[in-house]
Protein backbone atom coordinates (compact mmCIF):
# COMPACT_ATOMS: atom_id res chain seq x y z
CA MET A 1 12.51 9.36 26.75
CA LYS A 2 13.04 6.39 24.77
CA VAL A 3 10.02 6.50 22.01
CA GLY A 4 8.98 3.42 20.52
CA PHE A 5 6.88 3.05 17.31
CA ILE A 6 4.53 0.48 15.43
CA SER A 7 2.98 0.92 12.34
CA LEU A 8 -0.43 -0.54 11.12
CA GLY A 9 -2.04 -0.20 8.06
CA CYS A 10 -1.43 0.62 4.71
CA ALA A 11 1.60 2.94 2.75
CA LYS A 12 0.27 5.64 3.63
CA ASN A 13 0.08 5.20 7.55
CA GLN A 14 3.74 3.92 7.36
CA VAL A 15 4.99 7.40 5.63
CA ASN A 16 3.28 9.25 8.69
CA CYS A 17 4.77 7.10 10.98
CA GLU A 18 8.12 7.94 9.49
CA GLN A 19 7.35 11.42 9.90
CA MET A 20 6.24 11.19 13.19
CA ILE A 21 9.45 9.31 14.14
CA TRP A 22 11.31 12.50 12.34
CA GLN A 23 9.81 14.94 14.62
CA THR A 24 10.59 12.70 17.83
CA TYR A 25 13.60 12.70 17.11
CA GLU A 26 14.17 16.00 16.21
CA ALA A 27 12.74 16.99 19.93
CA GLY A 28 15.98 14.98 21.63
CA HIS A 29 13.95 11.88 22.03
CA GLU A 30 15.80 8.45 21.69
CA VAL A 31 13.81 6.10 18.55
CA ALA A 32 13.27 2.70 18.51
CA LEU A 33 10.94 0.14 16.59
CA GLY A 34 8.87 -1.53 18.25
CA PRO A 35 8.13 -1.42 22.54
CA ASP A 36 11.09 -3.35 23.77
CA GLY A 37 13.68 -1.08 26.17
CA CYS A 38 11.35 2.23 25.82
CA ASP A 39 9.47 4.64 28.01
CA THR A 40 6.88 5.29 25.91
CA VAL A 41 5.27 3.48 22.97
CA VAL A 42 3.12 5.08 19.61
CA VAL A 43 1.17 2.79 17.97
CA ASN A 44 -0.20 4.70 14.97
CA THR A 45 -3.23 2.35 13.87
CA CYS A 46 -5.54 1.38 10.55
CA GLY A 47 -9.50 2.04 10.59
CA PHE A 48 -10.23 1.00 7.01
CA LEU A 49 -11.71 -2.37 7.80
CA GLN A 50 -12.74 -4.42 11.44
CA GLU A 51 -10.02 -6.58 10.72
CA ALA A 52 -7.28 -4.04 10.96
CA ARG A 53 -8.65 -2.38 13.87
CA ASP A 54 -9.16 -5.82 15.65
CA GLU A 55 -5.63 -5.89 14.92
CA ALA A 56 -4.65 -2.49 16.55
CA LEU A 57 -6.66 -3.24 19.45
CA GLU A 58 -4.76 -6.28 19.52
CA GLU A 59 -1.73 -4.74 19.57
CA ILE A 60 -2.56 -2.35 22.22
CA ASN A 61 -3.65 -4.81 24.73
CA LYS A 62 -0.15 -6.29 24.35
CA LEU A 63 1.48 -2.81 25.24
CA VAL A 64 -1.25 -2.51 28.57
CA ALA A 65 0.19 -5.68 29.60
CA MET A 66 3.44 -3.98 29.23
CA LYS A 67 2.58 -1.44 30.72
CA LYS A 68 0.97 -3.54 33.94
CA ALA A 69 4.03 -5.38 34.01
CA GLY A 70 5.89 -1.99 34.78
CA GLN A 71 8.10 -2.40 31.48
CA LEU A 72 6.95 0.59 29.78
CA GLU A 73 4.97 3.76 30.99
CA ARG A 74 2.45 5.08 28.11
CA ILE A 75 1.18 4.53 24.97
CA ILE A 76 0.13 6.73 22.23
CA VAL A 77 -2.81 5.50 20.00
CA SER A 78 -2.30 7.26 16.71
CA GLY A 79 -3.66 7.04 13.06
CA CYS A 80 -6.99 5.94 11.31
CA MET A 81 -8.44 4.21 14.44
CA ALA A 82 -7.93 6.81 17.05
CA GLN A 83 -9.61 9.11 14.39
CA TRP A 84 -12.61 7.40 12.94
CA TRP A 85 -13.21 5.79 16.94
CA LYS A 86 -12.17 9.52 18.58
CA ASP A 87 -15.46 9.43 20.50
CA ARG A 88 -14.94 6.00 22.02
CA MET A 89 -11.76 5.61 22.30
CA ALA A 90 -11.17 6.95 25.79
CA ASP A 91 -14.17 4.58 27.23
CA LEU A 92 -12.47 1.70 24.51
CA CYS A 93 -9.17 2.11 25.86
CA PRO A 94 -8.61 3.24 29.45
CA GLU A 95 -5.11 2.79 29.80
CA VAL A 96 -3.73 4.49 26.95
CA ASP A 97 -2.53 7.41 27.94
CA GLY A 98 -2.72 9.68 24.81
CA PHE A 99 -4.70 10.34 21.12
CA LEU A 100 -3.10 11.66 17.78
CA GLY A 101 -5.67 11.61 15.03
CA VAL A 102 -4.52 11.72 11.29
CA SER A 103 -4.23 15.60 10.76
CA GLY A 104 -1.36 17.08 12.52
CA TYR A 105 1.66 14.24 12.51
CA GLU A 106 4.24 16.87 13.09
CA ASP A 107 2.79 18.05 16.64
CA ILE A 108 3.40 14.13 18.03
CA PRO A 109 6.53 15.79 20.26
CA GLN A 110 3.75 17.87 21.84
CA VAL A 111 1.54 14.61 22.56
CA LEU A 112 4.47 13.20 23.96
CA GLU A 113 5.52 15.82 26.22
CA GLN A 114 1.57 16.49 27.31
CA ALA A 115 1.62 12.78 28.08
CA ALA A 116 4.99 12.71 30.08
CA ALA A 117 3.36 15.58 32.23
CA GLY A 118 0.68 13.33 33.47
CA GLU A 119 -1.99 14.73 31.24
CA ARG A 120 -4.36 12.66 28.79
CA PRO A 121 -4.44 14.48 25.20
CA PHE A 122 -6.65 13.90 22.17
CA HIS A 123 -5.36 15.64 19.78
CA TYR A 124 -7.41 15.97 16.67
CA GLY A 125 -6.85 18.48 13.88
CA ASP A 126 -8.42 19.00 10.61
CA ILE A 127 -8.79 16.04 8.50
CA ASP A 128 -9.10 18.65 5.40
CA ALA A 129 -6.23 20.85 6.03
CA PRO A 130 -3.02 21.19 3.53
CA VAL A 131 -0.53 17.88 3.48
CA PRO A 132 2.20 19.07 6.31
CA GLU A 133 5.54 18.87 4.43
CA THR A 134 7.56 17.23 7.27
CA ASP A 135 10.94 15.60 6.68
CA ARG A 136 10.81 11.40 7.88
CA VAL A 137 13.18 8.36 8.41
CA VAL A 138 12.11 5.72 6.35
CA CYS A 139 12.29 2.50 7.69
CA THR A 140 10.87 -0.21 5.23
CA SER A 141 14.29 -0.36 3.27
CA ASP A 142 17.68 0.99 2.67
CA TYR A 143 16.67 1.33 -1.03
CA TRP A 144 13.23 1.69 -2.15
CA ALA A 145 10.39 3.96 -0.51
CA TRP A 146 7.10 4.76 -0.81
CA LEU A 147 6.23 8.54 -2.07
CA ARG A 148 3.08 9.98 -1.36
CA ILE A 149 2.20 12.48 -3.83
CA ALA A 150 -1.61 12.87 -1.81
CA GLU A 151 -3.60 12.39 0.83
CA GLY A 152 -7.17 11.81 1.67
CA CYS A 153 -9.72 10.84 -1.69
CA ASP A 154 -12.51 12.55 -3.02
CA ASN A 155 -14.04 9.06 -4.63
CA ARG A 156 -17.29 7.69 -2.49
CA CYS A 157 -17.12 4.08 -2.86
CA ALA A 158 -20.32 2.77 -1.04
CA TYR A 159 -18.19 0.27 1.02
CA CYS A 160 -15.40 3.21 1.92
CA VAL A 161 -15.01 5.26 5.32
CA ILE A 162 -11.22 6.64 3.87
CA PRO A 163 -12.70 10.08 2.87
CA PHE A 164 -14.51 10.32 6.64
CA ILE A 165 -11.09 9.25 8.41
CA ARG A 166 -8.41 10.76 5.86
CA GLY A 167 -10.56 13.42 4.43
CA ARG A 168 -10.68 15.38 0.65
CA PHE A 169 -8.54 15.01 -1.89
CA ARG A 170 -5.61 16.86 -1.34
CA SER A 171 -2.26 17.12 -4.03
CA ARG A 172 1.34 17.46 -2.82
CA PRO A 173 2.50 20.48 -4.60
CA GLU A 174 5.23 19.32 -7.42
CA GLU A 175 8.22 20.60 -6.63
CA LYS A 176 7.43 19.02 -2.75
CA ILE A 177 7.47 15.31 -4.46
CA LEU A 178 10.34 16.25 -6.67
CA GLU A 179 12.39 17.41 -3.65
CA GLU A 180 11.65 14.49 -1.52
CA ALA A 181 12.04 11.98 -4.34
CA GLU A 182 15.83 13.88 -4.79
CA ASN A 183 16.63 13.60 -1.24
CA LEU A 184 15.44 9.63 -1.51
CA ALA A 185 17.67 8.99 -4.29
CA GLN A 186 20.53 10.53 -2.50
CA ALA A 187 19.92 8.31 0.36
CA GLY A 188 20.79 5.38 -2.01
CA MET A 189 16.62 4.58 -2.74
CA LYS A 190 16.59 2.98 -6.06
CA GLU A 191 13.15 2.14 -5.87
CA LEU A 192 10.03 4.82 -5.39
CA ILE A 193 6.40 3.83 -5.19
CA VAL A 194 3.93 6.76 -6.24
CA VAL A 195 1.53 6.66 -3.64
CA ALA A 196 -2.22 8.10 -2.78
CA GLN A 197 -5.62 6.47 -2.78
CA ASP A 198 -6.02 8.01 -6.11
CA ILE A 199 -3.11 8.98 -8.12
CA THR A 200 -4.35 9.60 -11.37
CA ARG A 201 -6.32 12.84 -9.76
CA TYR A 202 -3.05 14.27 -8.77
CA GLY A 203 -2.90 17.68 -9.10
CA LEU A 204 -7.11 18.61 -9.94
CA ASP A 205 -7.25 20.36 -7.12
CA LEU A 206 -3.62 22.27 -7.23
CA TYR A 207 -3.41 23.22 -10.77
CA GLY A 208 -6.48 22.71 -12.38
CA GLU A 209 -5.83 19.71 -14.24
CA ARG A 210 -5.03 16.13 -13.43
CA THR A 211 -1.20 16.05 -13.47
CA LEU A 212 0.05 12.92 -13.16
CA ALA A 213 1.40 12.22 -16.76
CA LYS A 214 3.76 15.90 -16.61
CA LEU A 215 5.15 14.50 -13.08
CA LEU A 216 6.49 11.07 -13.34
CA PRO A 217 8.84 11.80 -16.42
CA LYS A 218 10.40 14.31 -13.68
CA LEU A 219 10.53 11.74 -11.60
CA CYS A 220 12.21 9.17 -13.71
CA ALA A 221 14.77 11.83 -14.97
CA ILE A 222 16.21 11.89 -11.32
CA PRO A 223 19.88 10.00 -10.95
CA GLY A 224 20.10 7.01 -8.96
CA ILE A 225 16.30 6.32 -9.26
CA GLN A 226 16.05 2.89 -11.34
CA TRP A 227 12.23 2.14 -10.78
CA VAL A 228 9.09 3.82 -10.27
CA ARG A 229 5.93 1.84 -9.75
CA LEU A 230 2.47 3.16 -9.37
CA HIS A 231 -0.62 2.87 -6.58
CA TYR A 232 -3.17 3.07 -6.94
CA LEU A 233 -4.43 4.34 -10.49
CA TYR A 234 -8.51 4.90 -10.51
CA PRO A 235 -9.73 3.17 -14.38
CA ASP A 236 -12.08 5.99 -15.45
CA GLU A 237 -8.99 8.38 -15.01
CA ILE A 238 -6.86 6.65 -16.62
CA THR A 239 -5.87 9.07 -20.01
CA ASP A 240 -4.37 7.93 -23.10
CA GLU A 241 -1.39 10.27 -22.25
CA LEU A 242 -0.65 8.57 -19.16
CA ILE A 243 -0.68 5.29 -20.76
CA ASP A 244 1.77 6.80 -23.17
CA VAL A 245 3.99 8.32 -20.67
CA ILE A 246 4.00 4.93 -18.92
CA ALA A 247 5.04 3.10 -21.90
CA ARG A 248 7.56 5.21 -23.02
CA GLU A 249 9.61 5.65 -19.76
CA PRO A 250 12.08 3.14 -19.28
CA LYS A 251 12.19 3.82 -15.46
CA ILE A 252 8.03 3.30 -14.82
CA VAL A 253 8.22 -0.54 -14.10
CA LYS A 254 5.08 -1.76 -16.51
CA TYR A 255 3.29 -3.08 -13.14
CA LEU A 256 -0.01 -1.26 -12.94
CA ASP A 257 -2.42 -1.28 -9.48
CA ILE A 258 -5.90 -0.43 -11.09
CA PRO A 259 -8.72 -1.25 -8.33
CA ILE A 260 -11.90 -2.27 -9.96
CA GLN A 261 -13.52 -4.02 -7.55
CA HIS A 262 -16.27 -5.88 -9.80
CA ILE A 263 -17.22 -6.10 -13.20
CA SER A 264 -21.18 -5.95 -13.11
CA ASP A 265 -22.74 -2.75 -14.37
CA ARG A 266 -25.37 -3.07 -11.53
CA MET A 267 -22.74 -3.90 -8.92
CA LEU A 268 -20.45 -1.21 -10.23
CA LYS A 269 -23.17 1.21 -9.90
CA ALA A 270 -23.97 -0.15 -6.83
CA MET A 271 -20.48 0.27 -5.22
CA HIS A 272 -20.89 4.03 -6.24
CA ARG A 273 -18.30 3.07 -8.46
CA ARG A 274 -17.33 5.39 -11.63
CA GLY A 275 -17.47 3.96 -15.72
CA THR A 276 -18.76 -0.02 -16.85
CA GLY A 277 -17.78 -2.95 -17.22
CA GLU A 278 -17.48 -2.85 -20.87
CA GLU A 279 -15.09 0.66 -19.85
CA ILE A 280 -13.00 -1.68 -17.79
CA ARG A 281 -12.60 -4.40 -20.48
CA SER A 282 -11.51 -2.02 -22.94
CA LEU A 283 -8.79 -0.26 -20.73
CA PHE A 284 -7.57 -3.75 -20.24
CA ARG A 285 -7.71 -4.43 -23.77
CA LYS A 286 -5.50 -1.03 -24.63
CA LEU A 287 -3.38 -1.04 -21.85
CA ARG A 288 -2.23 -4.91 -23.34
CA GLU A 289 -2.04 -3.43 -26.62
CA LYS A 290 -0.03 -0.15 -25.93
CA ILE A 291 2.36 -1.64 -22.69
CA PRO A 292 3.30 -4.86 -23.85
CA GLY A 293 3.92 -7.34 -20.84
CA VAL A 294 3.00 -5.02 -18.55
CA VAL A 295 1.64 -7.21 -15.50
CA LEU A 296 -2.02 -5.84 -13.93
CA ARG A 297 -3.15 -5.77 -10.51
CA THR A 298 -6.49 -5.29 -9.26
CA SER A 299 -8.84 -5.58 -6.19
CA LEU A 300 -11.78 -6.75 -6.22
CA ILE A 301 -14.70 -7.32 -3.69
CA THR A 302 -17.50 -10.51 -3.64
CA GLY A 303 -20.46 -10.44 -1.53
CA PHE A 304 -21.34 -7.00 -1.64
CA PRO A 305 -25.50 -6.17 -0.94
CA GLY A 306 -27.52 -7.45 -3.73
CA GLU A 307 -24.88 -9.63 -5.88
CA THR A 308 -26.63 -12.48 -7.67
CA GLU A 309 -25.12 -16.21 -8.34
CA GLU A 310 -24.85 -14.63 -12.40
CA GLU A 311 -23.13 -11.83 -11.07
CA PHE A 312 -20.78 -13.38 -9.55
CA GLU A 313 -20.05 -15.85 -12.54
CA GLU A 314 -19.59 -12.70 -14.67
CA LEU A 315 -16.96 -11.43 -12.21
CA CYS A 316 -15.30 -15.03 -12.51
CA GLU A 317 -15.50 -15.62 -16.50
CA PHE A 318 -14.22 -11.93 -16.47
CA LEU A 319 -10.68 -13.14 -14.10
CA LEU A 320 -10.71 -16.44 -16.63
CA GLU A 321 -10.82 -14.04 -19.62
CA TYR A 322 -8.43 -11.30 -18.66
CA LYS A 323 -5.89 -12.79 -16.49
CA LEU A 324 -5.10 -10.34 -14.29
CA GLU A 325 -1.41 -11.32 -13.38
CA ARG A 326 -1.87 -10.02 -9.72
CA ALA A 327 -5.16 -9.63 -7.42
CA GLY A 328 -6.42 -9.09 -4.19
CA VAL A 329 -9.33 -10.48 -3.53
CA PHE A 330 -11.83 -9.88 -0.11
CA ALA A 331 -15.05 -10.55 0.86
CA PHE A 332 -17.30 -7.03 1.23
CA SER A 333 -17.57 -6.38 4.69
CA PRO A 334 -19.96 -3.83 5.97
CA GLU A 335 -17.71 -1.16 7.84
CA GLU A 336 -19.56 1.50 10.34
CA GLY A 337 -20.46 4.55 8.91
CA SER A 338 -19.89 3.51 5.04
CA VAL A 339 -23.16 3.34 2.88
CA ALA A 340 -23.24 0.02 1.86
CA ALA A 341 -23.35 -1.43 5.62
CA LYS A 342 -27.10 -0.16 5.46
CA MET A 343 -28.28 -1.30 2.11
CA PRO A 344 -30.53 -4.25 1.97
CA ASP A 345 -30.11 -7.67 0.44
CA GLN A 346 -26.92 -8.21 2.54
CA VAL A 347 -25.65 -11.62 1.21
CA ASP A 348 -25.29 -14.36 4.00
CA GLU A 349 -21.65 -14.44 5.49
CA ASP A 350 -21.48 -18.53 4.45
CA VAL A 351 -21.78 -17.33 0.54
CA LYS A 352 -19.57 -14.85 0.77
CA ARG A 353 -16.86 -17.13 1.74
CA ARG A 354 -17.85 -19.77 -0.20
CA ARG A 355 -17.78 -17.19 -3.30
CA LEU A 356 -14.34 -15.70 -1.77
CA GLU A 357 -12.46 -19.35 -2.02
CA LEU A 358 -13.85 -19.68 -5.69
CA LEU A 359 -12.30 -16.49 -6.21
CA THR A 360 -9.44 -16.77 -5.08
CA ASP A 361 -8.69 -20.21 -6.25
CA LEU A 362 -9.21 -19.12 -9.89
CA GLN A 363 -6.65 -16.54 -9.36
CA MET A 364 -4.24 -18.61 -7.93
CA ARG A 365 -4.53 -20.46 -11.00
CA ILE A 366 -3.94 -17.49 -13.07
CA VAL A 367 -0.74 -16.51 -10.94
CA ASP A 368 0.42 -20.38 -11.35
CA GLN A 369 -0.09 -19.51 -15.05
CA TYR A 370 1.47 -16.51 -15.22
CA CYS A 371 4.57 -17.87 -13.20
CA GLU A 372 5.02 -21.01 -15.04
CA SER A 373 4.91 -18.01 -18.46
CA LYS A 374 8.39 -16.83 -17.18
CA VAL A 375 10.10 -20.19 -17.01
CA GLY A 376 13.52 -19.90 -19.12
CA GLN A 377 13.07 -15.78 -19.22
CA VAL A 378 15.83 -13.99 -17.56
CA ILE A 379 14.22 -10.90 -15.50
CA PRO A 380 15.47 -7.99 -13.42
CA VAL A 381 15.31 -8.88 -9.81
CA LEU A 382 16.18 -5.89 -7.01
CA CYS A 383 17.97 -8.21 -4.56
CA GLU A 384 16.28 -8.06 -0.80
CA GLY A 385 18.35 -10.87 1.32
CA TYR A 386 19.17 -13.85 2.08
CA ASP A 387 17.30 -16.92 3.50
CA ASP A 388 19.14 -19.13 5.47
CA GLU A 389 16.16 -21.65 5.90
CA THR A 390 16.31 -22.14 1.53
CA GLU A 391 20.12 -21.19 1.21
CA LEU A 392 19.23 -19.12 -1.12
CA PHE A 393 18.72 -15.24 -2.33
CA TYR A 394 15.50 -13.11 -2.93
CA GLY A 395 14.36 -9.90 -4.51
CA ARG A 396 11.75 -8.76 -6.12
CA SER A 397 10.55 -8.76 -10.01
CA ASP A 398 9.23 -5.31 -11.60
CA ALA A 399 6.06 -8.06 -11.29
CA ASP A 400 6.42 -8.22 -7.20
CA SER A 401 5.07 -5.04 -4.93
CA PRO A 402 6.73 -5.03 -1.65
CA GLY A 403 4.75 -6.79 0.90
CA ILE A 404 1.64 -7.73 -1.48
CA ASP A 405 3.34 -9.91 -4.08
CA GLY A 406 6.12 -12.98 -4.02
CA VAL A 407 9.50 -12.73 -4.24
CA VAL A 408 11.97 -14.36 -6.85
CA HIS A 409 14.38 -16.96 -4.83
CA PHE A 410 17.35 -17.69 -6.65
CA GLU A 411 21.09 -19.31 -6.68
CA GLY A 412 24.56 -16.94 -5.93
CA GLU A 413 27.57 -16.95 -4.62
CA GLU A 414 27.84 -15.86 -1.07
CA GLY A 415 29.45 -12.15 -0.83
CA GLY A 416 29.30 -12.16 -4.89
CA VAL A 417 25.17 -10.62 -4.23
CA ARG A 418 24.13 -7.67 -2.40
CA PRO A 419 21.12 -6.74 -1.07
CA GLY A 420 20.01 -3.14 -2.87
CA ASP A 421 21.72 -3.86 -6.25
CA PHE A 422 19.37 -5.58 -9.33
CA TYR A 423 20.84 -8.48 -10.65
CA GLN A 424 19.82 -11.01 -14.22
CA VAL A 425 18.33 -13.77 -13.14
CA LYS A 426 17.00 -16.72 -15.30
CA VAL A 427 13.63 -18.45 -14.06
CA THR A 428 14.38 -22.27 -13.82
CA GLY A 429 10.94 -23.04 -11.91
CA THR A 430 8.28 -22.15 -9.81
CA TYR A 431 6.94 -22.64 -5.95
CA ASP A 432 4.01 -21.95 -4.57
CA GLY A 433 2.71 -19.04 -6.60
CA GLU A 434 6.81 -17.36 -6.72
CA LEU A 435 9.47 -17.82 -8.99
CA ILE A 436 12.97 -19.99 -8.43
CA GLY A 437 16.28 -19.30 -10.36
CA VAL A 438 19.53 -18.60 -10.99
CA LEU A 439 22.33 -15.62 -11.48
CA TYR A 440 22.17 -15.48 -15.15
CA GLU A 441 25.76 -14.43 -14.89
CA ASN A 442 26.66 -18.05 -13.26
CA GLU A 443 25.40 -19.47 -16.44
CA GLU A 444 26.83 -17.42 -18.79
CA GLY A 445 29.94 -16.47 -17.05
CA SER A 446 29.71 -12.90 -17.67
CA LYS A 447 27.96 -10.26 -15.67
CA GLN A 448 24.75 -9.14 -17.20
């Protein structure tokens, strides 16, 4: 059987898909990315937002059309949407041949065999079960990979349904994480992106204390790994010990993704977020002081139920004052099953749209200012390829996380620059929130 995989959604979902690919290959099947020429296609879905579910349904409908045209035989739907809508998926997608929730990814061979035998499996395990330790086939890149250190979430934010989809927070044992990291390094990975819904909580369930600060130096000690990037750190869990580790470890990129969602005390409380606006401000001041040059990323929600114009203005003023270099800005989405979806004082859609546009424009101005400040500087760049259209190489600086931030475009001699290698690039200009530069060695006459 030839099985194609399509992965939608976040990094954690991608890791699960990579695990399924490994299990499918080990079971003796041929594996491909995408549906072309396949007998069966597995769609690993996201279910966090309606927009993501709409994307998944659109992808499924495309596969249904291929199935009706005789271009494939079976469709399997896995992941968060399959889990969240498990009671309605059969009726919603009558042409789908099997379903697999977020627990039991390692059982994908069994689901494939059942579907091939004419059954219609519905495979839903315990979402609170320990994280299965299975191998994976990294599909993101030959030189960077996600490193998932935990599953699930114990934060009960009012707007979010992830704890109900992914289960309670479960840390992976440290030795398993380090073993996987060493294997990734031996496979040529140079950047590890540490991910979980809340990496700052790591270890609390296994060891009775938060142990991220102890784990990171061990990851940094692995030969071959040059960058360690952190997603996501909750602001109220960032300790002085963790800040000191980040500051002193040269392999930890000085880029921190810290979702805050809002700065108004009343909004934070309504969102069921821990801490206050002043505690967030104090943390960001401390990070700027202790980690010179740190790039801060966050996520912000506007239009949350009850948000006033004054509270929205407070959020804008905060952004202007603290100039966060990276931010994902979102309008509140009333997700079915979330506490916030049933709250009174829902904000009008037109008001949410206007606030989102204003906040986005404000953030783009901050990004432009940041980019202008880099002109003339020499920065490290991990080359990712060559763009035939621009006739420039491109890559990521330490301020750019894959898929969510921009890239650095730079000149270099063809054949002299290789994807997966690090280069020193002198920034000569900016364009649309991204940097443009030249190899520093070209200007100076020697490799830096």
